[in-house]
């Protein structure tokens, strides 16, 4: 009976060890060009709907399966260009740091309206919507 119990424990323990080997734990930090952390940036593998976000210090943690080693890790945040890196290349990095470059957008024209103009525009748009009456 003792040998049977030992066999069962070893059998289940081998599954636990195998299950742990199938996961990748990825952690790193996201910084901008001036080495300041980027809080709440999206870190994801968009093709697999897997992801997380950085904390207020720019640090992130993501647990993936070994099958995701060849997928692309995308890091994005408002005001920055999206950065892409293959998961296995990120794992190979000595320092787990992703640098985001600033995305500068210029506007041609900005219109500022008074609250009264907003209301008038809303009424104009309401008049364009056809009225549908139901006959029941």
N, C-alpha and C. Protein backbone atom coordinates (compact mmCIF):
# COMPACT_ATOMS: atom_id res chain seq x y z
N UNK A 1 0.83 -1.19 0.00
CA UNK A 1 0.00 0.00 0.00
C UNK A 1 0.88 1.26 0.00
N UNK A 2 1.98 1.23 0.74
CA UNK A 2 2.89 2.36 0.82
C UNK A 2 3.48 2.67 -0.57
N UNK A 3 3.88 1.63 -1.29
CA UNK A 3 4.46 1.81 -2.63
C UNK A 3 3.43 2.39 -3.59
N UNK A 4 2.20 1.98 -3.46
CA UNK A 4 1.14 2.49 -4.33
C UNK A 4 0.92 3.99 -4.10
N UNK A 5 0.88 4.40 -2.83
CA UNK A 5 0.72 5.82 -2.51
C UNK A 5 1.91 6.62 -3.02
N UNK A 6 3.10 6.09 -2.85
CA UNK A 6 4.30 6.77 -3.34
C UNK A 6 4.25 6.92 -4.86
N UNK A 7 3.82 5.89 -5.54
CA UNK A 7 3.69 5.93 -6.99
C UNK A 7 2.69 7.02 -7.40
N UNK A 8 1.56 7.08 -6.73
CA UNK A 8 0.53 8.08 -7.05
C UNK A 8 1.08 9.49 -6.84
N UNK A 9 1.76 9.74 -5.71
CA UNK A 9 2.34 11.06 -5.44
C UNK A 9 3.36 11.43 -6.50
N UNK A 10 4.23 10.52 -6.85
CA UNK A 10 5.24 10.80 -7.87
C UNK A 10 4.61 11.03 -9.24
N UNK A 11 3.56 10.29 -9.54
CA UNK A 11 2.86 10.42 -10.80
C UNK A 11 2.26 11.83 -10.93
N UNK A 12 1.55 12.29 -9.91
CA UNK A 12 0.94 13.61 -9.95
C UNK A 12 1.98 14.71 -9.87
N UNK A 13 3.05 14.49 -9.14
CA UNK A 13 4.13 15.48 -9.05
C UNK A 13 4.76 15.70 -10.41
N UNK A 14 4.91 14.66 -11.21
CA UNK A 14 5.49 14.82 -12.55
C UNK A 14 4.60 15.69 -13.43
N UNK A 15 3.26 15.61 -13.27
CA UNK A 15 2.37 16.48 -14.04
C UNK A 15 2.52 17.93 -13.60
N UNK A 16 2.71 18.16 -12.31
CA UNK A 16 2.88 19.52 -11.81
C UNK A 16 4.16 20.12 -12.38
N UNK A 17 5.23 19.35 -12.40
CA UNK A 17 6.50 19.84 -12.94
C UNK A 17 6.36 20.13 -14.43
N UNK A 18 5.71 19.27 -15.18
CA UNK A 18 5.52 19.48 -16.61
C UNK A 18 4.64 20.71 -16.86
N UNK A 19 3.63 20.91 -16.07
CA UNK A 19 2.74 22.05 -16.25
C UNK A 19 3.49 23.35 -16.00
N UNK A 20 4.40 23.37 -15.03
CA UNK A 20 5.15 24.58 -14.74
C UNK A 20 6.14 24.91 -15.85
N UNK A 21 6.63 23.93 -16.55
CA UNK A 21 7.59 24.17 -17.61
C UNK A 21 6.93 24.79 -18.83
N UNK A 22 5.64 24.71 -18.97
CA UNK A 22 4.96 25.20 -20.16
C UNK A 22 4.61 26.68 -20.07
N UNK A 23 4.98 27.37 -19.00
CA UNK A 23 4.63 28.78 -18.89
C UNK A 23 5.88 29.65 -18.88
N UNK A 24 5.73 30.84 -19.44
CA UNK A 24 6.79 31.84 -19.46
C UNK A 24 6.34 33.01 -18.61
N UNK A 25 7.18 33.45 -17.75
CA UNK A 25 6.87 34.62 -16.94
C UNK A 25 7.73 35.77 -17.46
N UNK A 26 7.06 36.75 -18.03
CA UNK A 26 7.76 37.89 -18.61
C UNK A 26 7.49 39.11 -17.75
N UNK A 27 8.56 39.78 -17.37
CA UNK A 27 8.40 41.04 -16.66
C UNK A 27 9.45 42.02 -17.13
N UNK A 28 9.09 43.29 -17.11
CA UNK A 28 10.00 44.31 -17.57
C UNK A 28 9.48 45.68 -17.23
N UNK A 29 10.08 46.69 -17.84
CA UNK A 29 9.70 48.06 -17.59
C UNK A 29 9.62 48.80 -18.93
N UNK A 30 8.68 49.74 -19.01
CA UNK A 30 8.50 50.56 -20.21
C UNK A 30 8.91 51.98 -19.87
N UNK A 31 9.85 52.52 -20.68
CA UNK A 31 10.36 53.88 -20.47
C UNK A 31 10.21 54.69 -21.74
N UNK A 32 10.25 56.03 -21.60
CA UNK A 32 10.26 56.87 -22.79
C UNK A 32 11.70 57.20 -23.17
N UNK A 33 11.87 58.07 -24.16
CA UNK A 33 13.22 58.42 -24.64
C UNK A 33 14.10 59.04 -23.57
N UNK A 34 13.49 59.70 -22.60
CA UNK A 34 14.26 60.36 -21.54
C UNK A 34 14.42 59.48 -20.30
N UNK A 35 14.13 58.20 -20.44
CA UNK A 35 14.26 57.20 -19.37
C UNK A 35 13.29 57.41 -18.21
N UNK A 36 12.15 58.05 -18.51
CA UNK A 36 11.08 58.22 -17.51
C UNK A 36 10.06 57.12 -17.76
N UNK A 37 9.55 56.52 -16.69
CA UNK A 37 8.61 55.41 -16.83
C UNK A 37 7.31 55.86 -17.50
N UNK A 38 6.71 54.93 -18.25
CA UNK A 38 5.44 55.20 -18.93
C UNK A 38 4.35 54.42 -18.18
N UNK A 39 3.56 55.10 -17.36
CA UNK A 39 2.52 54.39 -16.60
C UNK A 39 1.34 54.00 -17.47
N UNK A 40 0.74 52.86 -17.14
CA UNK A 40 -0.50 52.37 -17.74
C UNK A 40 -0.41 52.16 -19.26
N UNK A 41 0.77 51.77 -19.75
CA UNK A 41 0.93 51.42 -21.16
C UNK A 41 0.37 50.01 -21.37
N UNK A 42 -0.18 49.76 -22.54
CA UNK A 42 -0.72 48.43 -22.88
C UNK A 42 0.41 47.54 -23.39
N UNK A 43 0.54 46.36 -22.79
CA UNK A 43 1.53 45.36 -23.19
C UNK A 43 0.75 44.12 -23.57
N UNK A 44 0.82 43.70 -24.85
CA UNK A 44 -0.06 42.61 -25.28
C UNK A 44 0.49 41.84 -26.45
N UNK A 45 -0.10 40.66 -26.63
CA UNK A 45 0.04 39.89 -27.86
C UNK A 45 -1.34 39.96 -28.48
N UNK A 46 -1.51 40.91 -29.38
CA UNK A 46 -2.85 41.22 -29.88
C UNK A 46 -3.44 40.09 -30.70
N UNK A 47 -2.61 39.30 -31.36
CA UNK A 47 -3.16 38.20 -32.17
C UNK A 47 -3.78 37.10 -31.31
N UNK A 48 -3.40 37.02 -30.04
CA UNK A 48 -3.92 35.99 -29.14
C UNK A 48 -4.82 36.56 -28.04
N UNK A 49 -5.07 37.86 -28.08
CA UNK A 49 -5.91 38.53 -27.07
C UNK A 49 -5.36 38.33 -25.67
N UNK A 50 -4.04 38.40 -25.53
CA UNK A 50 -3.39 38.30 -24.23
C UNK A 50 -2.73 39.64 -23.93
N UNK A 51 -2.81 40.07 -22.69
CA UNK A 51 -2.15 41.32 -22.39
C UNK A 51 -2.31 41.77 -20.97
N UNK A 52 -1.63 42.87 -20.69
CA UNK A 52 -1.67 43.49 -19.37
C UNK A 52 -1.33 44.96 -19.57
N UNK A 53 -1.19 45.69 -18.49
CA UNK A 53 -0.75 47.08 -18.58
C UNK A 53 0.32 47.32 -17.53
N UNK A 54 1.08 48.36 -17.76
CA UNK A 54 2.13 48.70 -16.80
C UNK A 54 1.50 49.38 -15.59
N UNK A 55 2.19 49.30 -14.47
CA UNK A 55 1.71 49.99 -13.28
C UNK A 55 2.17 51.44 -13.32
N UNK A 56 1.98 52.19 -12.24
CA UNK A 56 2.34 53.61 -12.24
C UNK A 56 3.84 53.83 -12.36
N UNK A 57 4.65 52.80 -12.12
CA UNK A 57 6.11 52.91 -12.26
C UNK A 57 6.60 52.37 -13.60
N UNK A 58 5.69 51.96 -14.48
CA UNK A 58 6.08 51.46 -15.79
C UNK A 58 6.43 49.99 -15.83
N UNK A 59 6.28 49.27 -14.72
CA UNK A 59 6.61 47.84 -14.66
C UNK A 59 5.41 47.00 -15.10
N UNK A 60 5.69 45.88 -15.75
CA UNK A 60 4.63 44.96 -16.15
C UNK A 60 5.05 43.53 -15.90
N UNK A 61 4.05 42.66 -15.80
CA UNK A 61 4.25 41.22 -15.61
C UNK A 61 3.21 40.51 -16.47
N UNK A 62 3.67 39.53 -17.24
CA UNK A 62 2.77 38.80 -18.13
C UNK A 62 3.18 37.34 -18.13
N UNK A 63 2.21 36.46 -17.91
CA UNK A 63 2.46 35.02 -17.91
C UNK A 63 1.89 34.44 -19.20
N UNK A 64 2.77 33.80 -19.97
CA UNK A 64 2.40 33.23 -21.27
C UNK A 64 2.76 31.76 -21.31
N UNK A 65 2.28 31.07 -22.32
CA UNK A 65 2.69 29.68 -22.51
C UNK A 65 3.91 29.67 -23.43
N UNK A 66 4.63 28.56 -23.43
CA UNK A 66 5.82 28.45 -24.28
C UNK A 66 5.45 28.53 -25.76
N UNK A 67 4.19 28.27 -26.09
CA UNK A 67 3.74 28.36 -27.48
C UNK A 67 3.77 29.81 -27.99
N UNK A 68 3.82 30.78 -27.08
CA UNK A 68 3.82 32.19 -27.45
C UNK A 68 5.21 32.76 -27.69
N UNK A 69 6.24 31.92 -27.67
CA UNK A 69 7.62 32.42 -27.81
C UNK A 69 7.86 33.12 -29.15
N UNK A 70 7.16 32.71 -30.20
CA UNK A 70 7.37 33.30 -31.52
C UNK A 70 6.37 34.41 -31.84
N UNK A 71 5.48 34.73 -30.91
CA UNK A 71 4.51 35.80 -31.11
C UNK A 71 5.16 37.16 -30.87
N UNK A 72 4.48 38.19 -31.33
CA UNK A 72 4.99 39.55 -31.20
C UNK A 72 4.36 40.27 -30.01
N UNK A 73 5.20 40.81 -29.17
CA UNK A 73 4.77 41.58 -28.01
C UNK A 73 4.66 43.04 -28.45
N UNK A 74 3.48 43.64 -28.26
CA UNK A 74 3.26 45.03 -28.65
C UNK A 74 3.06 45.89 -27.42
N UNK A 75 3.73 47.03 -27.40
CA UNK A 75 3.62 47.97 -26.29
C UNK A 75 3.16 49.30 -26.86
N UNK A 76 2.06 49.82 -26.32
CA UNK A 76 1.52 51.08 -26.84
C UNK A 76 0.99 51.93 -25.70
N UNK A 77 1.01 53.23 -25.96
CA UNK A 77 0.47 54.20 -25.01
C UNK A 77 0.14 55.47 -25.78
N UNK A 78 -0.82 56.22 -25.31
CA UNK A 78 -1.22 57.45 -25.98
C UNK A 78 -0.04 58.43 -25.96
N UNK A 79 0.25 58.99 -27.12
CA UNK A 79 1.34 59.95 -27.23
C UNK A 79 2.67 59.31 -27.61
N UNK A 80 2.67 57.98 -27.80
CA UNK A 80 3.90 57.27 -28.16
C UNK A 80 3.65 56.37 -29.35
N UNK A 81 4.72 56.10 -30.11
CA UNK A 81 4.64 55.13 -31.19
C UNK A 81 4.61 53.73 -30.61
N UNK A 82 3.87 52.82 -31.25
CA UNK A 82 3.78 51.44 -30.79
C UNK A 82 5.11 50.73 -31.03
N UNK A 83 5.58 50.02 -30.03
CA UNK A 83 6.82 49.25 -30.13
C UNK A 83 6.47 47.77 -30.23
N UNK A 84 7.16 47.05 -31.12
CA UNK A 84 6.92 45.62 -31.29
C UNK A 84 8.23 44.86 -31.15
N UNK A 85 8.16 43.71 -30.45
CA UNK A 85 9.32 42.84 -30.29
C UNK A 85 8.83 41.41 -30.15
N UNK A 86 9.56 40.47 -30.74
CA UNK A 86 9.21 39.06 -30.63
C UNK A 86 9.50 38.62 -29.19
N UNK A 87 8.63 37.78 -28.64
CA UNK A 87 8.73 37.37 -27.23
C UNK A 87 10.10 36.74 -26.94
N UNK A 88 10.58 35.85 -27.81
CA UNK A 88 11.87 35.19 -27.54
C UNK A 88 13.02 36.20 -27.57
N UNK A 89 12.91 37.26 -28.39
CA UNK A 89 13.94 38.30 -28.40
C UNK A 89 13.88 39.13 -27.12
N UNK A 90 12.67 39.38 -26.62
CA UNK A 90 12.55 40.12 -25.36
C UNK A 90 13.14 39.31 -24.20
N UNK A 91 12.90 38.00 -24.21
CA UNK A 91 13.44 37.13 -23.16
C UNK A 91 14.97 37.14 -23.20
N UNK A 92 15.54 37.24 -24.41
CA UNK A 92 16.99 37.23 -24.57
C UNK A 92 17.66 38.54 -24.16
N UNK A 93 16.87 39.61 -24.00
CA UNK A 93 17.46 40.89 -23.60
C UNK A 93 18.10 40.80 -22.22
N UNK A 94 19.25 41.44 -22.07
CA UNK A 94 19.92 41.46 -20.77
C UNK A 94 19.12 42.33 -19.79
N UNK A 95 18.77 43.53 -20.24
CA UNK A 95 17.92 44.41 -19.44
C UNK A 95 16.53 44.38 -20.06
N UNK A 96 15.55 44.06 -19.29
CA UNK A 96 14.16 43.92 -19.78
C UNK A 96 13.48 45.30 -19.81
N UNK A 97 13.97 46.14 -20.72
CA UNK A 97 13.47 47.51 -20.85
C UNK A 97 12.98 47.72 -22.27
N UNK A 98 11.79 48.31 -22.40
CA UNK A 98 11.25 48.68 -23.70
C UNK A 98 11.16 50.20 -23.73
N UNK A 99 11.76 50.80 -24.76
CA UNK A 99 11.76 52.25 -24.89
C UNK A 99 10.71 52.65 -25.93
N UNK A 100 9.82 53.55 -25.54
CA UNK A 100 8.80 54.08 -26.46
C UNK A 100 9.23 55.46 -26.93
N UNK A 101 9.10 55.69 -28.23
CA UNK A 101 9.41 57.00 -28.81
C UNK A 101 8.15 57.85 -28.84
N UNK A 102 8.35 59.15 -28.62
CA UNK A 102 7.22 60.08 -28.60
C UNK A 102 6.62 60.21 -30.00
N UNK A 103 5.31 60.28 -30.07
CA UNK A 103 4.60 60.46 -31.33
C UNK A 103 4.05 61.88 -31.36
N UNK A 104 4.63 62.69 -32.24
CA UNK A 104 4.23 64.09 -32.33
C UNK A 104 3.21 64.23 -33.45
N UNK A 105 2.06 64.80 -33.11
CA UNK A 105 0.99 65.00 -34.07
C UNK A 105 0.67 66.48 -34.11
N UNK A 106 0.61 67.03 -35.31
CA UNK A 106 0.25 68.44 -35.42
C UNK A 106 -1.17 68.55 -35.97
N UNK A 107 -1.87 69.55 -35.50
CA UNK A 107 -3.25 69.79 -35.93
C UNK A 107 -3.26 70.97 -36.89
N UNK A 108 -4.03 70.85 -37.97
CA UNK A 108 -4.12 71.94 -38.94
C UNK A 108 -4.97 73.09 -38.40
N UNK A 109 -6.10 72.73 -37.79
CA UNK A 109 -7.04 73.75 -37.36
C UNK A 109 -7.80 73.25 -36.14
N UNK A 110 -8.08 74.15 -35.22
CA UNK A 110 -8.87 73.83 -34.05
C UNK A 110 -10.03 74.82 -33.97
N UNK A 111 -11.25 74.30 -33.93
CA UNK A 111 -12.43 75.15 -33.82
C UNK A 111 -12.95 75.11 -32.39
N UNK A 112 -13.14 76.28 -31.83
CA UNK A 112 -13.70 76.37 -30.49
C UNK A 112 -15.07 77.02 -30.62
N UNK A 113 -16.10 76.32 -30.11
CA UNK A 113 -17.47 76.82 -30.22
C UNK A 113 -18.00 77.14 -28.84
N UNK A 114 -18.93 78.07 -28.83
CA UNK A 114 -19.60 78.42 -27.57
C UNK A 114 -20.66 77.35 -27.29
N UNK A 115 -21.11 77.24 -26.04
CA UNK A 115 -22.17 76.27 -25.72
C UNK A 115 -23.43 76.48 -26.56
N UNK A 116 -23.76 77.73 -26.88
CA UNK A 116 -24.94 78.01 -27.69
C UNK A 116 -24.77 77.43 -29.10
N UNK A 117 -23.57 77.50 -29.65
CA UNK A 117 -23.31 76.94 -30.98
C UNK A 117 -23.47 75.42 -30.96
N UNK A 118 -23.03 74.76 -29.88
CA UNK A 118 -23.20 73.31 -29.75
C UNK A 118 -24.69 72.94 -29.76
N UNK A 119 -25.51 73.70 -29.04
CA UNK A 119 -26.95 73.43 -28.97
C UNK A 119 -27.58 73.62 -30.35
N UNK A 120 -27.23 74.71 -31.03
CA UNK A 120 -27.79 74.96 -32.37
C UNK A 120 -27.39 73.85 -33.34
N UNK A 121 -26.16 73.40 -33.28
CA UNK A 121 -25.70 72.32 -34.15
C UNK A 121 -26.44 71.02 -33.85
N UNK A 122 -26.70 70.76 -32.57
CA UNK A 122 -27.45 69.56 -32.19
C UNK A 122 -28.86 69.61 -32.74
N UNK A 123 -29.53 70.77 -32.65
CA UNK A 123 -30.88 70.90 -33.20
C UNK A 123 -30.90 70.73 -34.71
N UNK A 124 -29.88 71.26 -35.40
CA UNK A 124 -29.79 71.10 -36.85
C UNK A 124 -29.69 69.62 -37.22
N UNK A 125 -28.87 68.88 -36.48
CA UNK A 125 -28.69 67.45 -36.75
C UNK A 125 -29.95 66.66 -36.42
N UNK A 126 -30.70 67.09 -35.41
CA UNK A 126 -31.95 66.41 -35.07
C UNK A 126 -32.99 66.58 -36.18
N UNK A 127 -32.99 67.74 -36.83
CA UNK A 127 -33.95 67.99 -37.91
C UNK A 127 -33.66 67.12 -39.12
N UNK A 128 -32.42 66.67 -39.28
CA UNK A 128 -32.04 65.83 -40.42
C UNK A 128 -32.47 64.38 -40.24
N UNK A 129 -32.74 63.97 -39.00
CA UNK A 129 -33.11 62.57 -38.74
C UNK A 129 -34.58 62.40 -39.09
N UNK A 130 -34.90 61.43 -39.97
CA UNK A 130 -36.30 61.23 -40.35
C UNK A 130 -37.13 60.68 -39.19
N UNK A 131 -38.34 61.13 -39.08
CA UNK A 131 -39.24 60.68 -38.04
C UNK A 131 -39.98 59.45 -38.54
N UNK A 132 -39.89 58.37 -37.81
CA UNK A 132 -40.55 57.12 -38.20
C UNK A 132 -41.71 56.89 -37.25
N UNK A 133 -42.91 56.80 -37.82
CA UNK A 133 -44.09 56.54 -37.03
C UNK A 133 -44.50 55.09 -37.22
N UNK A 134 -44.83 54.43 -36.16
CA UNK A 134 -45.29 53.04 -36.27
C UNK A 134 -46.80 53.02 -36.23
N UNK A 135 -47.38 52.20 -37.06
CA UNK A 135 -48.85 52.08 -37.09
C UNK A 135 -49.23 50.71 -36.60
N UNK A 136 -49.62 50.63 -35.38
CA UNK A 136 -50.02 49.36 -34.77
C UNK A 136 -51.48 49.37 -34.47
